[in-house]
Amino acid sequence: MQPEITTLPTIQFVGGSTETIKFNLNTLSGTPFDATGATINFAVTRYGNKNGTPNITKTATLETDANGVYSVAVVNLTASDTLSLYDKFIYQITIQDVNEKVEIPFYGDMYIINNINKSFLA
């Protein structure tokens, strides 16, 4: 399921916004990866701190694609998850299937833009 030496899509939004991020999980041949029973984790850390503790970790939920295959990972970020964050980050998806086999389809860039109206959400 790991892609070639390319990153996952770049994500960009303003800190403090509610974000629903969906990832289509595919095999190397491009067919949907059936993730039924898998646990999927989404982690985010500052780009300059790739070896540090993630700023955000979330368990993704699974949805079915148009063919009924559980191959869409959904991550829901709340306003409080990102309100105090701004900078360039990297994110990683970790998939552990029912047999405890782990797949990590590389990583992607995430840009969280500074929210200039934080007091409205605090």
N, C-alpha and C. Protein backbone atom coordinates (compact mmCIF):
# COMPACT_ATOMS: atom_id res chain seq x y z
N MET A 1 0.82 -1.19 0.00
CA MET A 1 0.00 0.00 0.00
C MET A 1 0.85 1.25 0.00
N GLN A 2 2.13 1.14 0.22
CA GLN A 2 3.01 2.30 0.26
C GLN A 2 3.22 2.86 -1.14
N PRO A 3 3.06 4.18 -1.31
CA PRO A 3 3.25 4.77 -2.62
C PRO A 3 4.72 4.83 -2.99
N GLU A 4 4.97 5.20 -4.25
CA GLU A 4 6.35 5.42 -4.65
C GLU A 4 6.89 6.57 -3.81
N ILE A 5 8.11 7.01 -4.07
CA ILE A 5 8.74 8.06 -3.26
C ILE A 5 8.06 9.40 -3.50
N THR A 6 6.80 9.46 -3.18
CA THR A 6 6.04 10.71 -3.23
C THR A 6 5.35 10.87 -1.89
N THR A 7 4.97 12.07 -1.58
CA THR A 7 4.30 12.31 -0.31
C THR A 7 2.79 12.27 -0.49
N LEU A 8 2.10 12.19 0.63
CA LEU A 8 0.65 12.29 0.63
C LEU A 8 0.28 13.73 0.27
N PRO A 9 -0.99 13.99 -0.01
CA PRO A 9 -1.39 15.34 -0.43
C PRO A 9 -1.03 16.42 0.59
N THR A 10 -0.74 17.61 0.10
CA THR A 10 -0.50 18.76 0.96
C THR A 10 -1.84 19.28 1.46
N ILE A 11 -1.89 19.58 2.75
CA ILE A 11 -3.10 20.09 3.39
C ILE A 11 -2.80 21.48 3.91
N GLN A 12 -3.75 22.40 3.74
CA GLN A 12 -3.56 23.78 4.21
C GLN A 12 -4.87 24.32 4.74
N PHE A 13 -4.83 24.95 5.92
CA PHE A 13 -6.02 25.57 6.50
C PHE A 13 -5.59 26.53 7.60
N VAL A 14 -6.54 27.33 8.09
CA VAL A 14 -6.28 28.28 9.17
C VAL A 14 -6.50 27.57 10.50
N GLY A 15 -5.57 27.74 11.43
CA GLY A 15 -5.69 27.14 12.75
C GLY A 15 -6.98 27.54 13.43
N GLY A 16 -7.63 26.58 14.07
CA GLY A 16 -8.90 26.85 14.74
C GLY A 16 -10.11 26.53 13.90
N SER A 17 -9.90 26.18 12.64
CA SER A 17 -11.05 25.78 11.81
C SER A 17 -11.33 24.30 12.02
N THR A 18 -12.58 23.92 11.86
CA THR A 18 -12.97 22.52 11.95
C THR A 18 -12.70 21.89 10.59
N GLU A 19 -11.93 20.81 10.58
CA GLU A 19 -11.52 20.18 9.33
C GLU A 19 -11.87 18.70 9.33
N THR A 20 -12.45 18.25 8.23
CA THR A 20 -12.66 16.82 7.99
C THR A 20 -11.79 16.46 6.81
N ILE A 21 -10.83 15.58 7.05
CA ILE A 21 -9.85 15.20 6.03
C ILE A 21 -10.08 13.74 5.68
N LYS A 22 -10.23 13.47 4.39
CA LYS A 22 -10.49 12.10 3.93
C LYS A 22 -9.34 11.61 3.07
N PHE A 23 -8.94 10.37 3.31
CA PHE A 23 -7.88 9.73 2.55
C PHE A 23 -8.41 8.45 1.93
N ASN A 24 -8.27 8.31 0.61
CA ASN A 24 -8.62 7.07 -0.06
C ASN A 24 -7.43 6.13 0.05
N LEU A 25 -7.65 4.98 0.66
CA LEU A 25 -6.60 4.00 0.85
C LEU A 25 -6.59 3.03 -0.32
N ASN A 26 -5.46 2.94 -1.01
CA ASN A 26 -5.34 2.08 -2.18
C ASN A 26 -4.13 1.17 -2.07
N THR A 27 -4.19 0.05 -2.77
CA THR A 27 -3.04 -0.85 -2.87
C THR A 27 -2.06 -0.27 -3.88
N LEU A 28 -0.90 -0.88 -4.00
CA LEU A 28 0.09 -0.42 -4.99
C LEU A 28 -0.45 -0.47 -6.41
N SER A 29 -1.37 -1.40 -6.67
CA SER A 29 -1.94 -1.50 -8.02
C SER A 29 -3.06 -0.50 -8.25
N GLY A 30 -3.42 0.26 -7.21
CA GLY A 30 -4.43 1.30 -7.37
C GLY A 30 -5.84 0.88 -7.00
N THR A 31 -6.03 -0.37 -6.60
CA THR A 31 -7.36 -0.81 -6.19
C THR A 31 -7.60 -0.42 -4.73
N PRO A 32 -8.85 -0.22 -4.36
CA PRO A 32 -9.13 0.15 -2.96
C PRO A 32 -8.62 -0.90 -1.98
N PHE A 33 -7.99 -0.43 -0.92
CA PHE A 33 -7.48 -1.29 0.15
C PHE A 33 -8.60 -1.48 1.16
N ASP A 34 -9.03 -2.72 1.36
CA ASP A 34 -10.10 -2.99 2.33
C ASP A 34 -9.50 -2.95 3.73
N ALA A 35 -9.82 -1.90 4.46
CA ALA A 35 -9.25 -1.68 5.80
C ALA A 35 -10.21 -2.13 6.90
N THR A 36 -11.16 -2.98 6.56
CA THR A 36 -12.11 -3.48 7.56
C THR A 36 -11.35 -4.03 8.77
N GLY A 37 -11.69 -3.56 9.96
CA GLY A 37 -11.07 -4.03 11.19
C GLY A 37 -9.75 -3.37 11.53
N ALA A 38 -9.23 -2.55 10.64
CA ALA A 38 -7.93 -1.90 10.89
C ALA A 38 -8.09 -0.72 11.84
N THR A 39 -7.00 -0.39 12.52
CA THR A 39 -6.92 0.82 13.32
C THR A 39 -6.03 1.79 12.56
N ILE A 40 -6.51 3.01 12.41
CA ILE A 40 -5.77 4.00 11.63
C ILE A 40 -5.52 5.22 12.50
N ASN A 41 -4.25 5.62 12.58
CA ASN A 41 -3.86 6.76 13.39
C ASN A 41 -3.31 7.85 12.48
N PHE A 42 -3.61 9.09 12.83
CA PHE A 42 -3.17 10.28 12.11
C PHE A 42 -2.36 11.11 13.10
N ALA A 43 -1.12 11.42 12.75
CA ALA A 43 -0.25 12.20 13.64
C ALA A 43 0.34 13.38 12.89
N VAL A 44 0.49 14.50 13.61
CA VAL A 44 1.02 15.74 13.05
C VAL A 44 2.11 16.27 13.96
N THR A 45 3.24 16.66 13.37
CA THR A 45 4.31 17.31 14.14
C THR A 45 4.91 18.44 13.31
N ARG A 46 5.54 19.39 13.99
CA ARG A 46 6.19 20.49 13.27
C ARG A 46 7.26 19.95 12.34
N TYR A 47 7.37 20.57 11.20
CA TYR A 47 8.31 20.11 10.18
C TYR A 47 9.74 20.07 10.70
N GLY A 48 10.11 21.05 11.51
CA GLY A 48 11.46 21.11 12.05
C GLY A 48 11.68 20.20 13.25
N ASN A 49 10.65 19.47 13.65
CA ASN A 49 10.73 18.61 14.83
C ASN A 49 10.28 17.19 14.47
N LYS A 50 10.80 16.67 13.38
CA LYS A 50 10.34 15.37 12.88
C LYS A 50 10.61 14.22 13.84
N ASN A 51 11.51 14.40 14.77
CA ASN A 51 11.80 13.33 15.73
C ASN A 51 11.11 13.54 17.07
N GLY A 52 10.31 14.58 17.16
CA GLY A 52 9.67 14.91 18.43
C GLY A 52 8.30 14.30 18.60
N THR A 53 7.69 14.62 19.72
CA THR A 53 6.34 14.16 20.03
C THR A 53 5.34 14.87 19.12
N PRO A 54 4.37 14.16 18.56
CA PRO A 54 3.37 14.81 17.70
C PRO A 54 2.58 15.88 18.45
N ASN A 55 2.22 16.94 17.73
CA ASN A 55 1.36 17.98 18.28
C ASN A 55 -0.09 17.52 18.30
N ILE A 56 -0.46 16.66 17.35
CA ILE A 56 -1.82 16.14 17.24
C ILE A 56 -1.73 14.65 16.93
N THR A 57 -2.53 13.86 17.60
CA THR A 57 -2.74 12.47 17.20
C THR A 57 -4.24 12.20 17.28
N LYS A 58 -4.76 11.55 16.26
CA LYS A 58 -6.18 11.26 16.18
C LYS A 58 -6.37 9.86 15.61
N THR A 59 -7.36 9.17 16.09
CA THR A 59 -7.75 7.90 15.47
C THR A 59 -8.75 8.23 14.37
N ALA A 60 -8.48 7.72 13.18
CA ALA A 60 -9.38 7.94 12.05
C ALA A 60 -10.53 6.95 12.10
N THR A 61 -11.63 7.33 11.49
CA THR A 61 -12.74 6.40 11.30
C THR A 61 -12.70 5.92 9.86
N LEU A 62 -13.43 4.85 9.58
CA LEU A 62 -13.47 4.31 8.23
C LEU A 62 -14.85 4.50 7.63
N GLU A 63 -14.86 4.85 6.35
CA GLU A 63 -16.09 4.94 5.58
C GLU A 63 -15.94 4.06 4.35
N THR A 64 -17.06 3.73 3.77
CA THR A 64 -17.02 2.95 2.54
C THR A 64 -16.87 3.87 1.33
N ASP A 65 -16.25 3.33 0.30
CA ASP A 65 -16.16 4.06 -0.97
C ASP A 65 -17.44 3.79 -1.77
N ALA A 66 -17.49 4.24 -3.01
CA ALA A 66 -18.68 4.08 -3.85
C ALA A 66 -19.03 2.62 -4.10
N ASN A 67 -18.06 1.71 -3.93
CA ASN A 67 -18.30 0.28 -4.15
C ASN A 67 -18.55 -0.49 -2.86
N GLY A 68 -18.65 0.22 -1.74
CA GLY A 68 -18.93 -0.43 -0.47
C GLY A 68 -17.71 -0.99 0.25
N VAL A 69 -16.51 -0.65 -0.21
CA VAL A 69 -15.28 -1.12 0.42
C VAL A 69 -14.86 -0.11 1.48
N TYR A 70 -14.52 -0.59 2.67
CA TYR A 70 -14.05 0.31 3.74
C TYR A 70 -12.62 0.74 3.43
N SER A 71 -12.50 1.73 2.56
CA SER A 71 -11.18 2.17 2.10
C SER A 71 -10.99 3.68 2.20
N VAL A 72 -11.86 4.34 2.95
CA VAL A 72 -11.74 5.80 3.12
C VAL A 72 -11.51 6.09 4.60
N ALA A 73 -10.33 6.61 4.91
CA ALA A 73 -10.01 7.01 6.28
C ALA A 73 -10.42 8.46 6.48
N VAL A 74 -11.12 8.72 7.57
CA VAL A 74 -11.64 10.07 7.85
C VAL A 74 -11.07 10.57 9.17
N VAL A 75 -10.45 11.74 9.12
CA VAL A 75 -9.88 12.37 10.31
C VAL A 75 -10.66 13.66 10.57
N ASN A 76 -11.17 13.79 11.77
CA ASN A 76 -11.90 15.01 12.15
C ASN A 76 -11.07 15.81 13.13
N LEU A 77 -10.71 17.02 12.71
CA LEU A 77 -9.97 17.94 13.58
C LEU A 77 -10.94 18.99 14.10
N THR A 78 -10.94 19.18 15.41
CA THR A 78 -11.79 20.20 16.00
C THR A 78 -11.04 21.53 16.04
N ALA A 79 -11.75 22.59 16.32
CA ALA A 79 -11.13 23.92 16.40
C ALA A 79 -10.03 23.93 17.46
N SER A 80 -10.26 23.28 18.60
CA SER A 80 -9.27 23.30 19.68
C SER A 80 -8.02 22.49 19.34
N ASP A 81 -8.12 21.56 18.40
CA ASP A 81 -6.94 20.77 18.00
C ASP A 81 -5.85 21.65 17.39
N THR A 82 -6.26 22.71 16.70
CA THR A 82 -5.28 23.49 15.92
C THR A 82 -5.27 24.99 16.21
N LEU A 83 -6.12 25.46 17.11
CA LEU A 83 -6.23 26.91 17.35
C LEU A 83 -4.90 27.56 17.69
N SER A 84 -4.09 26.91 18.49
CA SER A 84 -2.82 27.52 18.92
C SER A 84 -1.65 27.18 18.00
N LEU A 85 -1.92 26.47 16.92
CA LEU A 85 -0.84 26.05 16.02
C LEU A 85 -0.76 26.90 14.77
N TYR A 86 0.46 27.14 14.32
CA TYR A 86 0.68 27.72 13.00
C TYR A 86 2.12 27.45 12.62
N ASP A 87 2.34 27.04 11.40
CA ASP A 87 3.68 26.73 10.92
C ASP A 87 3.54 25.67 9.81
N LYS A 88 4.70 25.19 9.38
CA LYS A 88 4.74 24.05 8.47
C LYS A 88 4.86 22.79 9.32
N PHE A 89 4.03 21.81 9.02
CA PHE A 89 4.01 20.55 9.75
C PHE A 89 4.14 19.40 8.75
N ILE A 90 4.39 18.21 9.27
CA ILE A 90 4.25 17.00 8.47
C ILE A 90 3.22 16.12 9.17
N TYR A 91 2.51 15.33 8.37
CA TYR A 91 1.57 14.38 8.97
C TYR A 91 1.88 13.00 8.45
N GLN A 92 1.46 12.03 9.23
CA GLN A 92 1.70 10.63 8.90
C GLN A 92 0.45 9.83 9.23
N ILE A 93 0.15 8.87 8.39
CA ILE A 93 -0.94 7.94 8.64
C ILE A 93 -0.32 6.58 8.93
N THR A 94 -0.75 5.96 10.02
CA THR A 94 -0.29 4.62 10.37
C THR A 94 -1.49 3.70 10.39
N ILE A 95 -1.39 2.61 9.64
CA ILE A 95 -2.50 1.66 9.52
C ILE A 95 -2.05 0.33 10.11
N GLN A 96 -2.80 -0.17 11.09
CA GLN A 96 -2.52 -1.48 11.65
C GLN A 96 -3.73 -2.37 11.39
N ASP A 97 -3.52 -3.44 10.58
CA ASP A 97 -4.64 -4.30 10.23
C ASP A 97 -4.96 -5.29 11.34
N VAL A 98 -5.99 -6.10 11.13
CA VAL A 98 -6.45 -7.03 12.17
C VAL A 98 -5.39 -8.06 12.54
N ASN A 99 -4.41 -8.29 11.66
CA ASN A 99 -3.31 -9.22 11.95
C ASN A 99 -2.10 -8.51 12.54
N GLU A 100 -2.27 -7.23 12.91
CA GLU A 100 -1.24 -6.37 13.49
C GLU A 100 -0.11 -6.02 12.53
N LYS A 101 -0.34 -6.21 11.24
CA LYS A 101 0.62 -5.75 10.23
C LYS A 101 0.46 -4.23 10.10
N VAL A 102 1.60 -3.54 10.08
CA VAL A 102 1.58 -2.07 10.06
C VAL A 102 2.03 -1.56 8.70
N GLU A 103 1.29 -0.61 8.17
CA GLU A 103 1.63 0.09 6.93
C GLU A 103 1.69 1.58 7.23
N ILE A 104 2.71 2.24 6.69
CA ILE A 104 2.83 3.69 6.83
C ILE A 104 3.06 4.25 5.43
N PRO A 105 2.00 4.77 4.81
CA PRO A 105 2.14 5.28 3.45
C PRO A 105 2.82 6.64 3.37
N PHE A 106 4.05 6.69 3.78
CA PHE A 106 4.92 7.86 3.75
C PHE A 106 4.31 8.99 4.57
N TYR A 107 4.42 10.23 4.12
CA TYR A 107 3.89 11.36 4.88
C TYR A 107 3.52 12.48 3.93
N GLY A 108 2.91 13.52 4.48
CA GLY A 108 2.52 14.67 3.69
C GLY A 108 2.80 15.96 4.43
N ASP A 109 2.82 17.06 3.70
CA ASP A 109 3.02 18.38 4.30
C ASP A 109 1.68 18.97 4.72
N MET A 110 1.70 19.69 5.83
CA MET A 110 0.51 20.38 6.31
C MET A 110 0.92 21.79 6.70
N TYR A 111 0.21 22.76 6.18
CA TYR A 111 0.44 24.16 6.53
C TYR A 111 -0.76 24.65 7.32
N ILE A 112 -0.50 25.02 8.58
CA ILE A 112 -1.55 25.61 9.39
C ILE A 112 -1.23 27.09 9.49
N ILE A 113 -2.14 27.88 8.98
CA ILE A 113 -1.96 29.33 8.92
C ILE A 113 -2.43 29.93 10.25
N ASN A 114 -1.71 30.94 10.73
CA ASN A 114 -2.05 31.57 12.01
C ASN A 114 -3.45 32.19 11.96
N ASN A 115 -4.24 31.89 12.96
CA ASN A 115 -5.57 32.46 13.10
C ASN A 115 -5.43 33.83 13.77
N ILE A 116 -5.82 34.88 13.07
CA ILE A 116 -5.65 36.23 13.61
C ILE A 116 -6.82 36.63 14.52
N ASN A 117 -7.81 35.73 14.67
CA ASN A 117 -8.98 36.04 15.50
C ASN A 117 -9.19 34.94 16.53
N LYS A 118 -8.13 34.54 17.21
CA LYS A 118 -8.21 33.46 18.20
C LYS A 118 -9.18 33.78 19.33
N SER A 119 -9.26 35.02 19.73
CA SER A 119 -10.11 35.38 20.87
C SER A 119 -11.58 35.08 20.59
N PHE A 120 -11.98 35.06 19.36
CA PHE A 120 -13.37 34.74 19.00
C PHE A 120 -13.70 33.28 19.36
N LEU A 121 -12.71 32.41 19.26
CA LEU A 121 -12.93 30.99 19.50
C LEU A 121 -12.55 30.55 20.92
N ALA A 122 -11.86 31.41 21.66
CA ALA A 122 -11.40 31.02 23.00
C ALA A 122 -12.51 31.11 24.03
